[in-house]
Amino acid sequence: MSGHWRKSPPSLTSRSIKRRRRIIMAIVPAFHSVLETDRKVYHDSSLCTEGNNIEAKNRRAGTGGRPRCERCADRERGGR
């Protein structure tokens, strides 16, 4: 080769790889935060950064009668 870059075949472009890649989301038992400063939602996704930022001492099992976190729902649908 003379230093020229070949184009990747269409099946290997970054766009098609992103479309094909699936992130596996682990559903975890529902939990919520007891802190007054946190949003009043419950979490059930292992990929939710907001839920993962809740310290163990501030977590309580169950939904607490709260709505589901939108980010957890987005993760389930394959969102970011």
Foldseek 3Di string as FASTA:
>chain_A
DPPDDDDDPPCPDPVNVVVPDADDWAFAFKKDFPDPPDDLFIEGTPPDPSVVPHDPVGIDTDTNPHHHDVVRVCVVVRHD
